[in-house]
Amino acid sequence: MCGRYSLTKLENLLRQFAFLRFYPGPVPAPDPPDRPRYNIAPTQAVLVIANNHPDRLEHFRWGLIPSWAKDPSIGSRLINARAETLAEKPAFRTALRRRRCLVPADGFFEWRVGPDQSKTPMYIHLKGGGLFAFAGLWDVWHSPDGSEVHSCTLITGEPNELVKPIHDRMPVIMPKAYYEQWLDPKEQEPAALIGFLRPYPALEMEAYPVSRAVNSAKNDSPQCVEPALPARGLFGEDV
């Protein structure tokens, strides 16, 4: 599962995706829309590059609402989509063929469970802090009042060797070599895409514990991604 991530260096975003232009999009953006985001949470507006407009950065709602849903509440349960079952699940199989997206990020969070069942938030990112993109799917839901809700989900898969001791799933980070095909507007067969959804190389990533401030979506500051200070014992030793 991936339930939190960050996107803090928007200047890097426009440099890496030089073909993009910012487009207000169908979902209201945070205020201001280009501020750094240190603790992005489900149901919030997130920046997306969708395959119907691969030259645009748009804001979609995080939590997929399938076009056939009776109401939008299902979105809070579809923040992630398992790579292994995308081609089978009704909520995702058509989107895999027709509605794919990339979701830019520069880190994500998972919670490591200790022997005493305590949970330590871990920040996971590329070495050097570079930008990357999650593989995602999107859809459009039409509300009874006639308005449209554009939403997305992040695809998750097996963890790499770095993440495995932390969590049994990790979001799929799309290699740059596959961006063009993933964002192709044409309908594609699942068999041509599933091979893209592999664990990202562990040697290119690192992880460290961060403050429990990230546990609350209300906290969205640099503190969420800063390394946590070690606990100190009675005589000042690390514990």
C-alpha atoms as a PDB file:
ATOM      1  CA  MET A   1       0.000   0.000   0.000  1.00  0.00           C
ATOM      2  CA  CYS A   2       1.068   3.575  -0.591  1.00  0.00           C
ATOM      3  CA  GLY A   3      -0.883   6.117   1.421  1.00  0.00           C
ATOM      4  CA  ARG A   4       1.482   9.104   1.554  1.00  0.00           C
ATOM      5  CA  TYR A   5       4.095  10.662  -0.705  1.00  0.00           C
ATOM      6  CA  SER A   6       5.888  13.940  -1.377  1.00  0.00           C
ATOM      7  CA  LEU A   7       6.541  16.305  -4.282  1.00  0.00           C
ATOM      8  CA  THR A   8       8.705  19.144  -3.071  1.00  0.00           C
ATOM      9  CA  LYS A   9      10.820  20.405  -5.983  1.00  0.00           C
ATOM     10  CA  LEU A  10       8.490  21.539  -8.741  1.00  0.00           C
ATOM     11  CA  GLU A  11      11.320  23.232 -10.640  1.00  0.00           C
ATOM     12  CA  ASN A  12      12.825  19.751 -11.108  1.00  0.00           C
ATOM     13  CA  LEU A  13       9.473  18.532 -12.368  1.00  0.00           C
ATOM     14  CA  LEU A  14       9.309  21.021 -15.209  1.00  0.00           C
ATOM     15  CA  ARG A  15      12.959  20.381 -16.027  1.00  0.00           C
ATOM     16  CA  GLN A  16      12.583  16.586 -16.224  1.00  0.00           C
ATOM     17  CA  PHE A  17       9.278  16.706 -18.082  1.00  0.00           C
ATOM     18  CA  ALA A  18      10.320  19.503 -20.419  1.00  0.00           C
ATOM     19  CA  PHE A  19       7.418  18.762 -22.771  1.00  0.00           C
ATOM     20  CA  LEU A  20       4.817  19.639 -20.126  1.00  0.00           C
ATOM     21  CA  ARG A  21       2.859  22.790 -19.527  1.00  0.00           C
ATOM     22  CA  PHE A  22       0.843  23.395 -16.379  1.00  0.00           C
ATOM     23  CA  TYR A  23      -2.890  23.150 -16.929  1.00  0.00           C
ATOM     24  CA  PRO A  24      -5.362  24.021 -14.152  1.00  0.00           C
ATOM     25  CA  GLY A  25      -7.197  20.752 -14.711  1.00  0.00           C
ATOM     26  CA  PRO A  26     -10.583  19.497 -13.585  1.00  0.00           C
ATOM     27  CA  VAL A  27      -9.898  19.331  -9.826  1.00  0.00           C
ATOM     28  CA  PRO A  28      -9.283  22.434  -7.669  1.00  0.00           C
ATOM     29  CA  ALA A  29      -5.580  22.723  -6.880  1.00  0.00           C
ATOM     30  CA  PRO A  30      -3.978  23.394  -3.500  1.00  0.00           C
ATOM     31  CA  ASP A  31      -3.415  27.067  -2.728  1.00  0.00           C
ATOM     32  CA  PRO A  32      -0.972  28.030  -4.143  1.00  0.00           C
ATOM     33  CA  PRO A  33      -0.998  25.283  -6.780  1.00  0.00           C
ATOM     34  CA  ASP A  34       2.786  25.106  -7.109  1.00  0.00           C
ATOM     35  CA  ARG A  35       3.729  24.934  -3.419  1.00  0.00           C
ATOM     36  CA  PRO A  36       5.951  22.087  -2.189  1.00  0.00           C
ATOM     37  CA  ARG A  37       3.982  19.099  -0.847  1.00  0.00           C
ATOM     38  CA  TYR A  38       5.636  17.108   1.953  1.00  0.00           C
ATOM     39  CA  ASN A  39       2.769  14.842   2.997  1.00  0.00           C
ATOM     40  CA  ILE A  40       0.321  14.193   0.167  1.00  0.00           C
ATOM     41  CA  ALA A  41      -2.650  12.096   1.311  1.00  0.00           C
ATOM     42  CA  PRO A  42      -5.591  10.252  -0.292  1.00  0.00           C
ATOM     43  CA  THR A  43      -8.605  12.271  -1.485  1.00  0.00           C
ATOM     44  CA  GLN A  44      -6.384  15.338  -1.988  1.00  0.00           C
ATOM     45  CA  ALA A  45      -5.677  16.960  -5.363  1.00  0.00           C
ATOM     46  CA  VAL A  46      -2.484  15.534  -6.888  1.00  0.00           C
ATOM     47  CA  LEU A  47      -0.491  16.395  -9.989  1.00  0.00           C
ATOM     48  CA  VAL A  48      -0.985  13.879 -12.793  1.00  0.00           C
ATOM     49  CA  ILE A  49       0.158  13.402 -16.386  1.00  0.00           C
ATOM     50  CA  ALA A  50      -2.724  11.547 -18.044  1.00  0.00           C
ATOM     51  CA  ASN A  51      -2.394   9.716 -21.350  1.00  0.00           C
ATOM     52  CA  ASN A  52      -5.258  11.620 -23.016  1.00  0.00           C
ATOM     53  CA  HIS A  53      -3.236  14.860 -22.599  1.00  0.00           C
ATOM     54  CA  PRO A  54       0.395  13.729 -22.152  1.00  0.00           C
ATOM     55  CA  ASP A  55       1.650  17.299 -22.582  1.00  0.00           C
ATOM     56  CA  ARG A  56      -0.212  18.566 -19.496  1.00  0.00           C
ATOM     57  CA  LEU A  57       0.190  18.612 -15.747  1.00  0.00           C
ATOM     58  CA  GLU A  58      -3.278  18.433 -14.222  1.00  0.00           C
ATOM     59  CA  HIS A  59      -4.763  18.058 -10.755  1.00  0.00           C
ATOM     60  CA  PHE A  60      -6.831  14.908 -10.194  1.00  0.00           C
ATOM     61  CA  ARG A  61      -8.355  13.534  -6.989  1.00  0.00           C
ATOM     62  CA  TRP A  62      -6.306  10.743  -5.401  1.00  0.00           C
ATOM     63  CA  GLY A  63      -8.640   7.743  -5.047  1.00  0.00           C
ATOM     64  CA  LEU A  64     -10.110   6.250  -8.209  1.00  0.00           C
ATOM     65  CA  ILE A  65     -13.845   6.701  -8.794  1.00  0.00           C
ATOM     66  CA  PRO A  66     -14.810   4.364 -11.668  1.00  0.00           C
ATOM     67  CA  SER A  67     -17.171   5.839 -14.250  1.00  0.00           C
ATOM     68  CA  TRP A  68     -19.821   3.257 -13.278  1.00  0.00           C
ATOM     69  CA  ALA A  69     -19.726   4.010  -9.524  1.00  0.00           C
ATOM     70  CA  LYS A  70     -23.002   5.003  -7.868  1.00  0.00           C
ATOM     71  CA  ASP A  71     -21.305   7.602  -5.677  1.00  0.00           C
ATOM     72  CA  PRO A  72     -17.785   8.958  -5.151  1.00  0.00           C
ATOM     73  CA  SER A  73     -17.215   7.364  -1.730  1.00  0.00           C
ATOM     74  CA  ILE A  74     -15.637   4.317  -3.391  1.00  0.00           C
ATOM     75  CA  GLY A  75     -12.623   6.488  -4.210  1.00  0.00           C
ATOM     76  CA  SER A  76     -11.294   6.398  -0.649  1.00  0.00           C
ATOM     77  CA  ARG A  77     -10.985   2.603  -0.970  1.00  0.00           C
ATOM     78  CA  LEU A  78      -9.264   2.671  -4.370  1.00  0.00           C
ATOM     79  CA  ILE A  79      -6.166   4.745  -3.660  1.00  0.00           C
ATOM     80  CA  ASN A  80      -3.998   1.797  -4.801  1.00  0.00           C
ATOM     81  CA  ALA A  81      -4.355  -0.879  -7.466  1.00  0.00           C
ATOM     82  CA  ARG A  82      -2.460  -4.191  -7.272  1.00  0.00           C
ATOM     83  CA  ALA A  83      -0.325  -4.763 -10.368  1.00  0.00           C
ATOM     84  CA  GLU A  84      -1.012  -8.511 -10.245  1.00  0.00           C
ATOM     85  CA  THR A  85      -4.777  -8.139 -10.735  1.00  0.00           C
ATOM     86  CA  LEU A  86      -5.161  -4.979 -12.849  1.00  0.00           C
ATOM     87  CA  ALA A  87      -6.307  -6.877 -15.918  1.00  0.00           C
ATOM     88  CA  GLU A  88      -9.044  -8.677 -13.946  1.00  0.00           C
ATOM     89  CA  LYS A  89     -10.593  -6.177 -11.526  1.00  0.00           C
ATOM     90  CA  PRO A  90     -13.641  -4.304 -12.881  1.00  0.00           C
ATOM     91  CA  ALA A  91     -12.426  -1.018 -11.385  1.00  0.00           C
ATOM     92  CA  PHE A  92      -9.086  -1.178 -13.222  1.00  0.00           C
ATOM     93  CA  ARG A  93      -9.148  -3.416 -16.286  1.00  0.00           C
ATOM     94  CA  THR A  94     -10.562  -0.850 -18.719  1.00  0.00           C
ATOM     95  CA  ALA A  95      -8.386   1.912 -17.302  1.00  0.00           C
ATOM     96  CA  LEU A  96      -5.274  -0.232 -17.829  1.00  0.00           C
ATOM     97  CA  ARG A  97      -6.145  -0.484 -21.511  1.00  0.00           C
ATOM     98  CA  ARG A  98      -7.260   3.117 -22.060  1.00  0.00           C
ATOM     99  CA  ARG A  99      -6.589   5.484 -19.134  1.00  0.00           C
ATOM    100  CA  ARG A 100      -3.043   5.378 -17.813  1.00  0.00           C
ATOM    101  CA  CYS A 101      -1.121   8.129 -16.064  1.00  0.00           C
ATOM    102  CA  LEU A 102       2.119   9.068 -14.361  1.00  0.00           C
ATOM    103  CA  VAL A 103       2.092  10.677 -10.924  1.00  0.00           C
ATOM    104  CA  PRO A 104       5.273  12.704 -10.229  1.00  0.00           C
ATOM    105  CA  ALA A 105       6.880  12.370  -6.783  1.00  0.00           C
ATOM    106  CA  ASP A 106      10.236  12.640  -5.041  1.00  0.00           C
ATOM    107  CA  GLY A 107       9.588  10.260  -2.132  1.00  0.00           C
ATOM    108  CA  PHE A 108       6.983   8.110  -0.396  1.00  0.00           C
ATOM    109  CA  PHE A 109       6.264   6.825   3.096  1.00  0.00           C
ATOM    110  CA  GLU A 110       5.701   3.380   4.575  1.00  0.00           C
ATOM    111  CA  TRP A 111       5.406   2.352   8.218  1.00  0.00           C
ATOM    112  CA  ARG A 112       7.823  -0.263   9.617  1.00  0.00           C
ATOM    113  CA  VAL A 113       6.315  -2.429  12.332  1.00  0.00           C
ATOM    114  CA  GLY A 114       8.691  -3.165  15.222  1.00  0.00           C
ATOM    115  CA  PRO A 115       8.839  -6.216  17.512  1.00  0.00           C
ATOM    116  CA  ASP A 116       6.585  -4.398  19.980  1.00  0.00           C
ATOM    117  CA  GLN A 117       4.099  -3.600  17.165  1.00  0.00           C
ATOM    118  CA  SER A 118       5.067   0.074  17.205  1.00  0.00           C
ATOM    119  CA  LYS A 119       5.022   1.725  13.783  1.00  0.00           C
ATOM    120  CA  THR A 120       7.898   3.874  12.577  1.00  0.00           C
ATOM    121  CA  PRO A 121       7.291   6.057   9.509  1.00  0.00           C
ATOM    122  CA  MET A 122      10.018   5.616   6.896  1.00  0.00           C
ATOM    123  CA  TYR A 123      10.752   7.991   4.031  1.00  0.00           C
ATOM    124  CA  ILE A 124      11.855   6.208   0.847  1.00  0.00           C
ATOM    125  CA  HIS A 125      13.363   8.037  -2.118  1.00  0.00           C
ATOM    126  CA  LEU A 126      15.990   7.908  -4.842  1.00  0.00           C
ATOM    127  CA  LYS A 127      19.595   8.416  -3.839  1.00  0.00           C
ATOM    128  CA  GLY A 128      20.355  12.064  -4.446  1.00  0.00           C
ATOM    129  CA  GLY A 129      16.713  13.032  -3.999  1.00  0.00           C
ATOM    130  CA  GLY A 130      15.783  12.943  -7.674  1.00  0.00           C
ATOM    131  CA  LEU A 131      12.311  13.108  -9.141  1.00  0.00           C
ATOM    132  CA  PHE A 132      10.461  10.006 -10.351  1.00  0.00           C
ATOM    133  CA  ALA A 133       6.944   9.027 -11.409  1.00  0.00           C
ATOM    134  CA  PHE A 134       4.534   6.416 -10.076  1.00  0.00           C
ATOM    135  CA  ALA A 135       2.551   4.329 -12.531  1.00  0.00           C
ATOM    136  CA  GLY A 136      -1.140   5.119 -12.178  1.00  0.00           C
ATOM    137  CA  LEU A 137      -4.587   4.791 -13.708  1.00  0.00           C
ATOM    138  CA  TRP A 138      -7.325   7.415 -14.017  1.00  0.00           C
ATOM    139  CA  ASP A 139     -11.033   7.702 -14.703  1.00  0.00           C
ATOM    140  CA  VAL A 140     -13.830  10.267 -14.957  1.00  0.00           C
ATOM    141  CA  TRP A 141     -17.008  10.057 -12.877  1.00  0.00           C
ATOM    142  CA  HIS A 142     -20.112  12.077 -13.735  1.00  0.00           C
ATOM    143  CA  SER A 143     -22.041  13.306 -10.725  1.00  0.00           C
ATOM    144  CA  PRO A 144     -25.852  13.673 -10.672  1.00  0.00           C
ATOM    145  CA  ASP A 145     -25.482  17.448 -11.004  1.00  0.00           C
ATOM    146  CA  GLY A 146     -23.626  16.996 -14.294  1.00  0.00           C
ATOM    147  CA  SER A 147     -20.133  17.857 -13.053  1.00  0.00           C
ATOM    148  CA  GLU A 148     -17.112  15.631 -13.673  1.00  0.00           C
ATOM    149  CA  VAL A 149     -14.630  14.244 -11.147  1.00  0.00           C
ATOM    150  CA  HIS A 150     -11.253  13.185 -12.523  1.00  0.00           C
ATOM    151  CA  SER A 151      -9.514  10.758 -10.184  1.00  0.00           C
ATOM    152  CA  CYS A 152      -6.509   8.433 -10.102  1.00  0.00           C
ATOM    153  CA  THR A 153      -4.983   5.482  -8.293  1.00  0.00           C
ATOM    154  CA  LEU A 154      -1.354   4.449  -7.739  1.00  0.00           C
ATOM    155  CA  ILE A 155      -0.306   0.977  -8.866  1.00  0.00           C
ATOM    156  CA  THR A 156       1.526  -1.119  -6.263  1.00  0.00           C
ATOM    157  CA  GLY A 157       3.572  -4.272  -6.663  1.00  0.00           C
ATOM    158  CA  GLU A 158       6.116  -6.487  -4.954  1.00  0.00           C
ATOM    159  CA  PRO A 159       8.684  -4.631  -2.811  1.00  0.00           C
ATOM    160  CA  ASN A 160      12.361  -4.472  -3.694  1.00  0.00           C
ATOM    161  CA  GLU A 161      15.081  -5.552  -1.245  1.00  0.00           C
ATOM    162  CA  LEU A 162      15.196  -2.099   0.376  1.00  0.00           C
ATOM    163  CA  VAL A 163      11.462  -1.885   1.028  1.00  0.00           C
ATOM    164  CA  LYS A 164      10.842  -5.556   1.864  1.00  0.00           C
ATOM    165  CA  PRO A 165      11.893  -5.213   5.557  1.00  0.00           C
ATOM    166  CA  ILE A 166       9.591  -2.178   5.838  1.00  0.00           C
ATOM    167  CA  HIS A 167       6.440  -3.263   3.977  1.00  0.00           C
ATOM    168  CA  ASP A 168       5.156  -6.090   1.783  1.00  0.00           C
ATOM    169  CA  ARG A 169       4.075  -3.721  -1.023  1.00  0.00           C
ATOM    170  CA  MET A 170       5.551  -0.670  -2.721  1.00  0.00           C
ATOM    171  CA  PRO A 171       4.297   1.747  -5.372  1.00  0.00           C
ATOM    172  CA  VAL A 172       5.459   1.021  -8.905  1.00  0.00           C
ATOM    173  CA  ILE A 173       8.038   3.569 -10.020  1.00  0.00           C
ATOM    174  CA  MET A 174       7.961   3.760 -13.807  1.00  0.00           C
ATOM    175  CA  PRO A 175      11.382   3.709 -15.541  1.00  0.00           C
ATOM    176  CA  LYS A 176      11.821   6.664 -17.903  1.00  0.00           C
ATOM    177  CA  ALA A 177      12.285   4.302 -20.842  1.00  0.00           C
ATOM    178  CA  TYR A 178       8.613   3.306 -20.542  1.00  0.00           C
ATOM    179  CA  TYR A 179       7.057   6.769 -20.172  1.00  0.00           C
ATOM    180  CA  GLU A 180       6.213   7.147 -23.852  1.00  0.00           C
ATOM    181  CA  GLN A 181       4.381   3.843 -24.207  1.00  0.00           C
ATOM    182  CA  TRP A 182       2.602   4.175 -20.857  1.00  0.00           C
ATOM    183  CA  LEU A 183       1.315   7.617 -21.880  1.00  0.00           C
ATOM    184  CA  ASP A 184       0.328   6.566 -25.401  1.00  0.00           C
ATOM    185  CA  PRO A 185      -3.340   7.594 -25.841  1.00  0.00           C
ATOM    186  CA  LYS A 186      -4.114   4.495 -27.902  1.00  0.00           C
ATOM    187  CA  GLU A 187      -5.763   1.454 -26.313  1.00  0.00           C
ATOM    188  CA  GLN A 188      -3.204  -1.204 -25.430  1.00  0.00           C
ATOM    189  CA  GLU A 189      -3.275  -4.863 -24.496  1.00  0.00           C
ATOM    190  CA  PRO A 190      -2.446  -5.593 -20.823  1.00  0.00           C
ATOM    191  CA  ALA A 191       0.220  -8.108 -21.862  1.00  0.00           C
ATOM    192  CA  ALA A 192       2.207  -5.262 -23.445  1.00  0.00           C
ATOM    193  CA  LEU A 193       2.186  -3.251 -20.203  1.00  0.00           C
ATOM    194  CA  ILE A 194       2.419  -5.639 -17.259  1.00  0.00           C
ATOM    195  CA  GLY A 195       6.163  -6.115 -17.777  1.00  0.00           C
ATOM    196  CA  PHE A 196       6.686  -2.427 -16.914  1.00  0.00           C
ATOM    197  CA  LEU A 197       5.303  -2.913 -13.407  1.00  0.00           C
ATOM    198  CA  ARG A 198       8.368  -4.347 -11.674  1.00  0.00           C
ATOM    199  CA  PRO A 199      10.118  -3.380  -8.411  1.00  0.00           C
ATOM    200  CA  TYR A 200      12.422  -0.405  -8.890  1.00  0.00           C
ATOM    201  CA  PRO A 201      16.124  -1.251  -8.347  1.00  0.00           C
ATOM    202  CA  ALA A 202      16.860  -1.179  -4.623  1.00  0.00           C
ATOM    203  CA  LEU A 203      20.466  -0.033  -5.130  1.00  0.00           C
ATOM    204  CA  GLU A 204      19.185   3.262  -6.537  1.00  0.00           C
ATOM    205  CA  MET A 205      17.078   4.035  -3.451  1.00  0.00           C
ATOM    206  CA  GLU A 206      17.471   4.722   0.251  1.00  0.00           C
ATOM    207  CA  ALA A 207      15.206   4.936   3.312  1.00  0.00           C
ATOM    208  CA  TYR A 208      15.345   6.510   6.758  1.00  0.00           C
ATOM    209  CA  PRO A 209      12.959   7.048   9.700  1.00  0.00           C
ATOM    210  CA  VAL A 210      11.110  10.342   9.963  1.00  0.00           C
ATOM    211  CA  SER A 211       8.960  12.148  12.499  1.00  0.00           C
ATOM    212  CA  ARG A 212       5.535  10.778  13.401  1.00  0.00           C
ATOM    213  CA  ALA A 213       4.234  14.172  12.281  1.00  0.00           C
ATOM    214  CA  VAL A 214       3.625  12.509   8.907  1.00  0.00           C
ATOM    215  CA  ASN A 215       0.945  10.321  10.524  1.00  0.00           C
ATOM    216  CA  SER A 216      -1.481  13.241  10.303  1.00  0.00           C
ATOM    217  CA  ALA A 217      -2.444  14.543   6.871  1.00  0.00           C
ATOM    218  CA  LYS A 218      -2.856  17.960   8.500  1.00  0.00           C
ATOM    219  CA  ASN A 219       0.929  18.212   8.742  1.00  0.00           C
ATOM    220  CA  ASP A 220       2.513  19.262   5.455  1.00  0.00           C
ATOM    221  CA  SER A 221       5.905  20.775   6.223  1.00  0.00           C
ATOM    222  CA  PRO A 222       9.602  19.923   5.757  1.00  0.00           C
ATOM    223  CA  GLN A 223       9.510  18.196   9.155  1.00  0.00           C
ATOM    224  CA  CYS A 224       7.693  15.281   7.492  1.00  0.00           C
ATOM    225  CA  VAL A 225      10.716  14.356   5.364  1.00  0.00           C
ATOM    226  CA  GLU A 226      13.563  15.248   7.728  1.00  0.00           C
ATOM    227  CA  PRO A 227      15.427  12.337   9.378  1.00  0.00           C
ATOM    228  CA  ALA A 228      14.073  11.618  12.846  1.00  0.00           C
ATOM    229  CA  LEU A 229      16.411  12.364  15.719  1.00  0.00           C
ATOM    230  CA  PRO A 230      17.457   9.182  17.564  1.00  0.00           C
ATOM    231  CA  ALA A 231      15.907   8.614  20.963  1.00  0.00           C
ATOM    232  CA  ARG A 232      18.335   9.278  23.840  1.00  0.00           C
ATOM    233  CA  GLY A 233      18.827   7.115  26.896  1.00  0.00           C
ATOM    234  CA  LEU A 234      19.412   8.240  30.458  1.00  0.00           C
ATOM    235  CA  PHE A 235      23.119   8.793  29.817  1.00  0.00           C
ATOM    236  CA  GLY A 236      22.782  10.323  26.356  1.00  0.00           C
ATOM    237  CA  GLU A 237      23.336   7.155  24.343  1.00  0.00           C
ATOM    238  CA  ASP A 238      21.279   6.341  21.223  1.00  0.00           C
ATOM    239  CA  VAL A 239      18.479   3.869  21.900  1.00  0.00           C
END
